[in-house]
């Protein structure tokens, strides 16, 4: 059955703008037309510098197959999402980013110290299961520091002379609001504790003074 050609745009005589339709099953002729249309699309795409398209429609119910004209089709995302120049971060932002990187580096160093135990090692030290250790951490009864790569780490020095976690730890978690805040409080000297760290004061049995100092820190009384 002969193929039928129709002009898609009367203002053009370019054969690349011709839609070809034919009845099935003239498969060989249709394949030749498809290859020619594809070649025209490649040529136009290289010339235009962006993608082009044509459509192949096969309708078994109508017993026909059609190749549409080659159409220029700029990438839609180029218009929808234009590239914008991103300015360099200002000094304040750069300082904040640098501080964040430094905190991350320092946290990694802390978690790598020898007195930072894994949950398993800390559980062995306490004589309990790992599940119990994690429960105590969640309740603030023990101090566990979260490390993205290392998991939780538990300072071995948070145990008193009897090998039990300091009784003030739950209150310190409640007052200071987080494990890292508790850690910083315990390793930092405080004027309210006569220049001692929170940990040194706990070792001296000064639980009430330690909690009071922590409450002052939470209020912003001491820096």
C-alpha atoms as a PDB file:
ATOM      1  CA  UNK A   1       0.000   0.000   0.000  1.00  0.00           C
ATOM      2  CA  UNK A   2       1.541   3.396  -0.945  1.00  0.00           C
ATOM      3  CA  UNK A   3       2.714   5.774   1.753  1.00  0.00           C
ATOM      4  CA  UNK A   4       0.995   9.127   2.237  1.00  0.00           C
ATOM      5  CA  UNK A   5       3.031  12.307   2.884  1.00  0.00           C
ATOM      6  CA  UNK A   6       1.459  15.487   4.305  1.00  0.00           C
ATOM      7  CA  UNK A   7       3.066  18.911   4.778  1.00  0.00           C
ATOM      8  CA  UNK A   8       3.186  19.911   8.435  1.00  0.00           C
ATOM      9  CA  UNK A   9       3.892  23.567   7.618  1.00  0.00           C
ATOM     10  CA  UNK A  10       2.995  24.978   4.251  1.00  0.00           C
ATOM     11  CA  UNK A  11       5.478  27.830   4.631  1.00  0.00           C
ATOM     12  CA  UNK A  12       8.356  25.327   4.520  1.00  0.00           C
ATOM     13  CA  UNK A  13       9.338  22.940   1.771  1.00  0.00           C
ATOM     14  CA  UNK A  14      12.048  21.267   3.830  1.00  0.00           C
ATOM     15  CA  UNK A  15      11.500  17.510   3.850  1.00  0.00           C
ATOM     16  CA  UNK A  16      12.375  17.469   7.555  1.00  0.00           C
ATOM     17  CA  UNK A  17       8.962  18.976   8.201  1.00  0.00           C
ATOM     18  CA  UNK A  18       7.020  16.184   6.533  1.00  0.00           C
ATOM     19  CA  UNK A  19       4.880  13.743   8.475  1.00  0.00           C
ATOM     20  CA  UNK A  20       4.735  10.312   6.903  1.00  0.00           C
ATOM     21  CA  UNK A  21       1.827   7.944   7.433  1.00  0.00           C
ATOM     22  CA  UNK A  22       1.226   4.526   6.002  1.00  0.00           C
ATOM     23  CA  UNK A  23      -1.031   1.609   6.505  1.00  0.00           C
ATOM     24  CA  UNK A  24       0.292  -1.537   8.046  1.00  0.00           C
ATOM     25  CA  UNK A  25       2.038  -3.784   7.201  1.00  0.00           C
ATOM     26  CA  UNK A  26       4.393  -1.823   4.876  1.00  0.00           C
ATOM     27  CA  UNK A  27       7.109  -2.301   7.492  1.00  0.00           C
ATOM     28  CA  UNK A  28      10.162  -1.981   5.253  1.00  0.00           C
ATOM     29  CA  UNK A  29       9.101   1.349   3.778  1.00  0.00           C
ATOM     30  CA  UNK A  30       8.194   2.660   7.198  1.00  0.00           C
ATOM     31  CA  UNK A  31      11.573   1.665   8.641  1.00  0.00           C
ATOM     32  CA  UNK A  32      13.358   3.514   5.835  1.00  0.00           C
ATOM     33  CA  UNK A  33      11.267   6.616   6.502  1.00  0.00           C
ATOM     34  CA  UNK A  34      11.996   6.312  10.231  1.00  0.00           C
ATOM     35  CA  UNK A  35      15.752   6.146   9.621  1.00  0.00           C
ATOM     36  CA  UNK A  36      15.606   9.179   7.304  1.00  0.00           C
ATOM     37  CA  UNK A  37      13.644  11.161   9.867  1.00  0.00           C
ATOM     38  CA  UNK A  38      16.092  10.184  12.580  1.00  0.00           C
ATOM     39  CA  UNK A  39      19.026  11.344  10.440  1.00  0.00           C
ATOM     40  CA  UNK A  40      17.301  14.684   9.874  1.00  0.00           C
ATOM     41  CA  UNK A  41      16.735  15.020  13.608  1.00  0.00           C
ATOM     42  CA  UNK A  42      20.426  14.405  14.348  1.00  0.00           C
ATOM     43  CA  UNK A  43      21.461  16.979  11.748  1.00  0.00           C
ATOM     44  CA  UNK A  44      19.048  19.603  13.057  1.00  0.00           C
ATOM     45  CA  UNK A  45      20.048  18.950  16.667  1.00  0.00           C
ATOM     46  CA  UNK A  46      23.728  19.505  15.896  1.00  0.00           C
ATOM     47  CA  UNK A  47      22.947  22.660  13.960  1.00  0.00           C
ATOM     48  CA  UNK A  48      20.601  24.110  16.607  1.00  0.00           C
ATOM     49  CA  UNK A  49      22.748  23.140  19.578  1.00  0.00           C
ATOM     50  CA  UNK A  50      19.898  21.671  21.571  1.00  0.00           C
ATOM     51  CA  UNK A  51      17.606  18.676  21.521  1.00  0.00           C
ATOM     52  CA  UNK A  52      14.956  18.121  18.853  1.00  0.00           C
ATOM     53  CA  UNK A  53      12.188  15.563  18.671  1.00  0.00           C
ATOM     54  CA  UNK A  54       9.794  13.687  16.451  1.00  0.00           C
ATOM     55  CA  UNK A  55       7.081  11.218  17.353  1.00  0.00           C
ATOM     56  CA  UNK A  56       6.435   7.701  16.122  1.00  0.00           C
ATOM     57  CA  UNK A  57       2.849   6.509  16.518  1.00  0.00           C
ATOM     58  CA  UNK A  58       1.773   2.946  15.838  1.00  0.00           C
ATOM     59  CA  UNK A  59      -1.964   2.337  16.097  1.00  0.00           C
ATOM     60  CA  UNK A  60      -2.873  -1.333  15.575  1.00  0.00           C
ATOM     61  CA  UNK A  61      -6.574  -0.595  15.885  1.00  0.00           C
ATOM     62  CA  UNK A  62      -6.486   1.912  13.049  1.00  0.00           C
ATOM     63  CA  UNK A  63      -3.994  -0.194  11.136  1.00  0.00           C
ATOM     64  CA  UNK A  64      -1.595   2.700  10.574  1.00  0.00           C
ATOM     65  CA  UNK A  65       1.730   4.095  11.695  1.00  0.00           C
ATOM     66  CA  UNK A  66       2.858   7.715  11.610  1.00  0.00           C
ATOM     67  CA  UNK A  67       6.104   9.662  11.927  1.00  0.00           C
ATOM     68  CA  UNK A  68       5.633  13.270  12.938  1.00  0.00           C
ATOM     69  CA  UNK A  69       7.725  16.222  11.781  1.00  0.00           C
ATOM     70  CA  UNK A  70      11.067  16.994  13.363  1.00  0.00           C
ATOM     71  CA  UNK A  71      10.587  19.845  15.843  1.00  0.00           C
ATOM     72  CA  UNK A  72      13.082  21.993  17.660  1.00  0.00           C
ATOM     73  CA  UNK A  73      12.729  21.443  21.387  1.00  0.00           C
ATOM     74  CA  UNK A  74      15.025  23.401  23.715  1.00  0.00           C
ATOM     75  CA  UNK A  75      15.625  21.718  27.039  1.00  0.00           C
ATOM     76  CA  UNK A  76      12.720  22.749  29.231  1.00  0.00           C
ATOM     77  CA  UNK A  77      14.797  22.882  32.405  1.00  0.00           C
ATOM     78  CA  UNK A  78      16.983  25.578  30.891  1.00  0.00           C
ATOM     79  CA  UNK A  79      14.018  27.936  30.968  1.00  0.00           C
ATOM     80  CA  UNK A  80      12.399  26.628  34.127  1.00  0.00           C
ATOM     81  CA  UNK A  81      15.553  26.670  36.222  1.00  0.00           C
ATOM     82  CA  UNK A  82      17.944  29.327  34.937  1.00  0.00           C
ATOM     83  CA  UNK A  83      21.449  29.136  36.301  1.00  0.00           C
ATOM     84  CA  UNK A  84      22.115  31.856  38.808  1.00  0.00           C
ATOM     85  CA  UNK A  85      25.453  33.001  40.031  1.00  0.00           C
ATOM     86  CA  UNK A  86      25.931  32.116  43.679  1.00  0.00           C
ATOM     87  CA  UNK A  87      27.820  34.817  45.562  1.00  0.00           C
ATOM     88  CA  UNK A  88      30.683  33.933  47.821  1.00  0.00           C
ATOM     89  CA  UNK A  89      29.656  33.489  51.475  1.00  0.00           C
ATOM     90  CA  UNK A  90      30.095  36.672  53.475  1.00  0.00           C
ATOM     91  CA  UNK A  91      32.597  36.899  56.309  1.00  0.00           C
ATOM     92  CA  UNK A  92      29.998  36.099  58.973  1.00  0.00           C
ATOM     93  CA  UNK A  93      28.841  32.962  57.193  1.00  0.00           C
ATOM     94  CA  UNK A  94      32.398  31.842  56.495  1.00  0.00           C
ATOM     95  CA  UNK A  95      33.216  32.277  60.173  1.00  0.00           C
ATOM     96  CA  UNK A  96      30.153  30.250  61.174  1.00  0.00           C
ATOM     97  CA  UNK A  97      31.076  27.460  58.739  1.00  0.00           C
ATOM     98  CA  UNK A  98      34.651  27.429  59.997  1.00  0.00           C
ATOM     99  CA  UNK A  99      33.420  27.228  63.600  1.00  0.00           C
ATOM    100  CA  UNK A 100      31.095  24.343  62.729  1.00  0.00           C
ATOM    101  CA  UNK A 101      33.926  22.451  61.056  1.00  0.00           C
ATOM    102  CA  UNK A 102      36.137  23.042  64.069  1.00  0.00           C
ATOM    103  CA  UNK A 103      33.442  21.753  66.433  1.00  0.00           C
ATOM    104  CA  UNK A 104      33.075  18.636  64.292  1.00  0.00           C
ATOM    105  CA  UNK A 105      36.826  18.090  64.286  1.00  0.00           C
ATOM    106  CA  UNK A 106      37.051  18.579  68.048  1.00  0.00           C
ATOM    107  CA  UNK A 107      34.117  16.229  68.687  1.00  0.00           C
ATOM    108  CA  UNK A 108      35.813  13.528  66.611  1.00  0.00           C
ATOM    109  CA  UNK A 109      39.012  13.983  68.624  1.00  0.00           C
ATOM    110  CA  UNK A 110      37.103  13.692  71.919  1.00  0.00           C
ATOM    111  CA  UNK A 111      35.315  10.518  70.860  1.00  0.00           C
ATOM    112  CA  UNK A 112      38.631   8.963  69.813  1.00  0.00           C
ATOM    113  CA  UNK A 113      40.205   9.430  73.265  1.00  0.00           C
ATOM    114  CA  UNK A 114      41.139   6.332  75.220  1.00  0.00           C
ATOM    115  CA  UNK A 115      38.642   6.899  78.023  1.00  0.00           C
ATOM    116  CA  UNK A 116      35.704   6.900  75.594  1.00  0.00           C
ATOM    117  CA  UNK A 117      34.189   3.418  75.671  1.00  0.00           C
ATOM    118  CA  UNK A 118      31.802   1.704  73.308  1.00  0.00           C
ATOM    119  CA  UNK A 119      28.398   0.619  74.612  1.00  0.00           C
ATOM    120  CA  UNK A 120      29.662  -2.962  74.888  1.00  0.00           C
ATOM    121  CA  UNK A 121      32.793  -1.993  76.815  1.00  0.00           C
ATOM    122  CA  UNK A 122      30.876   0.328  79.117  1.00  0.00           C
ATOM    123  CA  UNK A 123      28.272  -2.370  79.746  1.00  0.00           C
ATOM    124  CA  UNK A 124      31.059  -4.756  80.758  1.00  0.00           C
ATOM    125  CA  UNK A 125      32.446  -2.101  83.094  1.00  0.00           C
ATOM    126  CA  UNK A 126      29.061  -1.737  84.781  1.00  0.00           C
ATOM    127  CA  UNK A 127      28.318  -5.449  84.723  1.00  0.00           C
ATOM    128  CA  UNK A 128      25.066  -4.965  82.785  1.00  0.00           C
ATOM    129  CA  UNK A 129      23.820  -5.594  79.276  1.00  0.00           C
ATOM    130  CA  UNK A 130      24.199  -3.234  76.352  1.00  0.00           C
ATOM    131  CA  UNK A 131      20.422  -2.815  76.308  1.00  0.00           C
ATOM    132  CA  UNK A 132      20.543  -1.615  79.918  1.00  0.00           C
ATOM    133  CA  UNK A 133      23.308   0.852  79.073  1.00  0.00           C
ATOM    134  CA  UNK A 134      21.279   2.334  76.223  1.00  0.00           C
ATOM    135  CA  UNK A 135      18.217   2.587  78.459  1.00  0.00           C
ATOM    136  CA  UNK A 136      20.242   4.418  81.094  1.00  0.00           C
ATOM    137  CA  UNK A 137      21.636   6.722  78.413  1.00  0.00           C
ATOM    138  CA  UNK A 138      18.164   7.569  77.189  1.00  0.00           C
ATOM    139  CA  UNK A 139      17.076   8.292  80.762  1.00  0.00           C
ATOM    140  CA  UNK A 140      20.117  10.499  81.393  1.00  0.00           C
ATOM    141  CA  UNK A 141      21.461   8.133  84.055  1.00  0.00           C
ATOM    142  CA  UNK A 142      24.726   7.749  82.162  1.00  0.00           C
ATOM    143  CA  UNK A 143      26.536  10.069  79.788  1.00  0.00           C
ATOM    144  CA  UNK A 144      26.688   8.838  76.188  1.00  0.00           C
ATOM    145  CA  UNK A 145      28.063  11.054  73.430  1.00  0.00           C
ATOM    146  CA  UNK A 146      26.783  10.554  69.915  1.00  0.00           C
ATOM    147  CA  UNK A 147      29.367  10.221  67.151  1.00  0.00           C
ATOM    148  CA  UNK A 148      28.178   9.906  63.556  1.00  0.00           C
ATOM    149  CA  UNK A 149      30.788   7.273  62.641  1.00  0.00           C
ATOM    150  CA  UNK A 150      31.712   5.780  65.985  1.00  0.00           C
ATOM    151  CA  UNK A 151      28.256   5.450  67.498  1.00  0.00           C
ATOM    152  CA  UNK A 152      27.724   6.371  71.138  1.00  0.00           C
ATOM    153  CA  UNK A 153      30.771   6.672  73.353  1.00  0.00           C
ATOM    154  CA  UNK A 154      30.670   6.590  77.153  1.00  0.00           C
ATOM    155  CA  UNK A 155      33.345   8.332  79.271  1.00  0.00           C
ATOM    156  CA  UNK A 156      34.795   5.862  81.745  1.00  0.00           C
ATOM    157  CA  UNK A 157      35.327   8.691  84.269  1.00  0.00           C
ATOM    158  CA  UNK A 158      31.593   9.146  84.907  1.00  0.00           C
ATOM    159  CA  UNK A 159      31.681   6.401  87.546  1.00  0.00           C
ATOM    160  CA  UNK A 160      32.167   7.090  91.246  1.00  0.00           C
ATOM    161  CA  UNK A 161      34.437   5.197  93.633  1.00  0.00           C
ATOM    162  CA  UNK A 162      31.896   2.417  93.877  1.00  0.00           C
ATOM    163  CA  UNK A 163      31.806   1.974  90.118  1.00  0.00           C
ATOM    164  CA  UNK A 164      28.369   3.505  89.724  1.00  0.00           C
ATOM    165  CA  UNK A 165      27.421   6.472  87.512  1.00  0.00           C
ATOM    166  CA  UNK A 166      27.371   9.747  89.441  1.00  0.00           C
ATOM    167  CA  UNK A 167      23.944  10.279  90.969  1.00  0.00           C
ATOM    168  CA  UNK A 168      23.805  13.884  89.717  1.00  0.00           C
ATOM    169  CA  UNK A 169      23.907  12.892  86.047  1.00  0.00           C
ATOM    170  CA  UNK A 170      20.112  12.674  85.513  1.00  0.00           C
ATOM    171  CA  UNK A 171      19.652  16.154  86.983  1.00  0.00           C
ATOM    172  CA  UNK A 172      22.499  17.549  84.888  1.00  0.00           C
ATOM    173  CA  UNK A 173      20.881  16.169  81.730  1.00  0.00           C
ATOM    174  CA  UNK A 174      17.572  17.712  82.773  1.00  0.00           C
ATOM    175  CA  UNK A 175      19.105  21.115  83.501  1.00  0.00           C
ATOM    176  CA  UNK A 176      21.544  21.364  80.593  1.00  0.00           C
ATOM    177  CA  UNK A 177      19.371  19.649  78.013  1.00  0.00           C
ATOM    178  CA  UNK A 178      21.809  17.373  76.211  1.00  0.00           C
ATOM    179  CA  UNK A 179      24.717  14.964  76.525  1.00  0.00           C
ATOM    180  CA  UNK A 180      27.299  17.220  74.881  1.00  0.00           C
ATOM    181  CA  UNK A 181      26.235  20.118  77.123  1.00  0.00           C
ATOM    182  CA  UNK A 182      26.690  17.874  80.158  1.00  0.00           C
ATOM    183  CA  UNK A 183      30.099  16.792  78.905  1.00  0.00           C
ATOM    184  CA  UNK A 184      31.276  20.377  78.398  1.00  0.00           C
ATOM    185  CA  UNK A 185      30.020  21.327  81.835  1.00  0.00           C
ATOM    186  CA  UNK A 186      31.842  18.445  83.504  1.00  0.00           C
ATOM    187  CA  UNK A 187      35.215  19.153  81.869  1.00  0.00           C
ATOM    188  CA  UNK A 188      35.123  22.960  82.174  1.00  0.00           C
ATOM    189  CA  UNK A 189      36.291  24.934  85.245  1.00  0.00           C
ATOM    190  CA  UNK A 190      33.545  27.067  86.830  1.00  0.00           C
ATOM    191  CA  UNK A 191      33.786  30.090  89.088  1.00  0.00           C
ATOM    192  CA  UNK A 192      30.810  28.853  91.083  1.00  0.00           C
ATOM    193  CA  UNK A 193      32.840  25.725  91.907  1.00  0.00           C
ATOM    194  CA  UNK A 194      35.936  27.673  92.950  1.00  0.00           C
ATOM    195  CA  UNK A 195      37.547  27.109  89.583  1.00  0.00           C
ATOM    196  CA  UNK A 196      37.030  23.363  89.655  1.00  0.00           C
ATOM    197  CA  UNK A 197      35.463  21.406  86.821  1.00  0.00           C
ATOM    198  CA  UNK A 198      32.068  19.845  87.345  1.00  0.00           C
ATOM    199  CA  UNK A 199      33.710  16.420  87.373  1.00  0.00           C
ATOM    200  CA  UNK A 200      36.226  17.400  90.063  1.00  0.00           C
ATOM    201  CA  UNK A 201      33.384  18.717  92.210  1.00  0.00           C
ATOM    202  CA  UNK A 202      31.430  15.471  91.774  1.00  0.00           C
ATOM    203  CA  UNK A 203      34.494  13.509  92.861  1.00  0.00           C
ATOM    204  CA  UNK A 204      34.497  15.624  96.024  1.00  0.00           C
ATOM    205  CA  UNK A 205      30.863  14.757  96.687  1.00  0.00           C
ATOM    206  CA  UNK A 206      29.629  18.298  95.988  1.00  0.00           C
ATOM    207  CA  UNK A 207      26.530  17.199  94.077  1.00  0.00           C
ATOM    208  CA  UNK A 208      24.343  20.079  95.231  1.00  0.00           C
ATOM    209  CA  UNK A 209      26.965  22.647  94.295  1.00  0.00           C
ATOM    210  CA  UNK A 210      27.413  21.004  90.895  1.00  0.00           C
ATOM    211  CA  UNK A 211      23.678  21.091  90.149  1.00  0.00           C
ATOM    212  CA  UNK A 212      23.462  24.724  91.280  1.00  0.00           C
ATOM    213  CA  UNK A 213      26.389  25.626  89.025  1.00  0.00           C
ATOM    214  CA  UNK A 214      24.731  23.832  86.110  1.00  0.00           C
ATOM    215  CA  UNK A 215      21.524  25.772  86.705  1.00  0.00           C
ATOM    216  CA  UNK A 216      23.553  28.976  86.625  1.00  0.00           C
ATOM    217  CA  UNK A 217      25.102  27.950  83.312  1.00  0.00           C
ATOM    218  CA  UNK A 218      21.651  27.156  81.912  1.00  0.00           C
ATOM    219  CA  UNK A 219      20.465  30.615  82.935  1.00  0.00           C
ATOM    220  CA  UNK A 220      23.537  32.195  81.395  1.00  0.00           C
ATOM    221  CA  UNK A 221      24.932  33.379  84.732  1.00  0.00           C
ATOM    222  CA  UNK A 222      28.337  31.871  84.095  1.00  0.00           C
ATOM    223  CA  UNK A 223      30.305  31.621  80.888  1.00  0.00           C
END
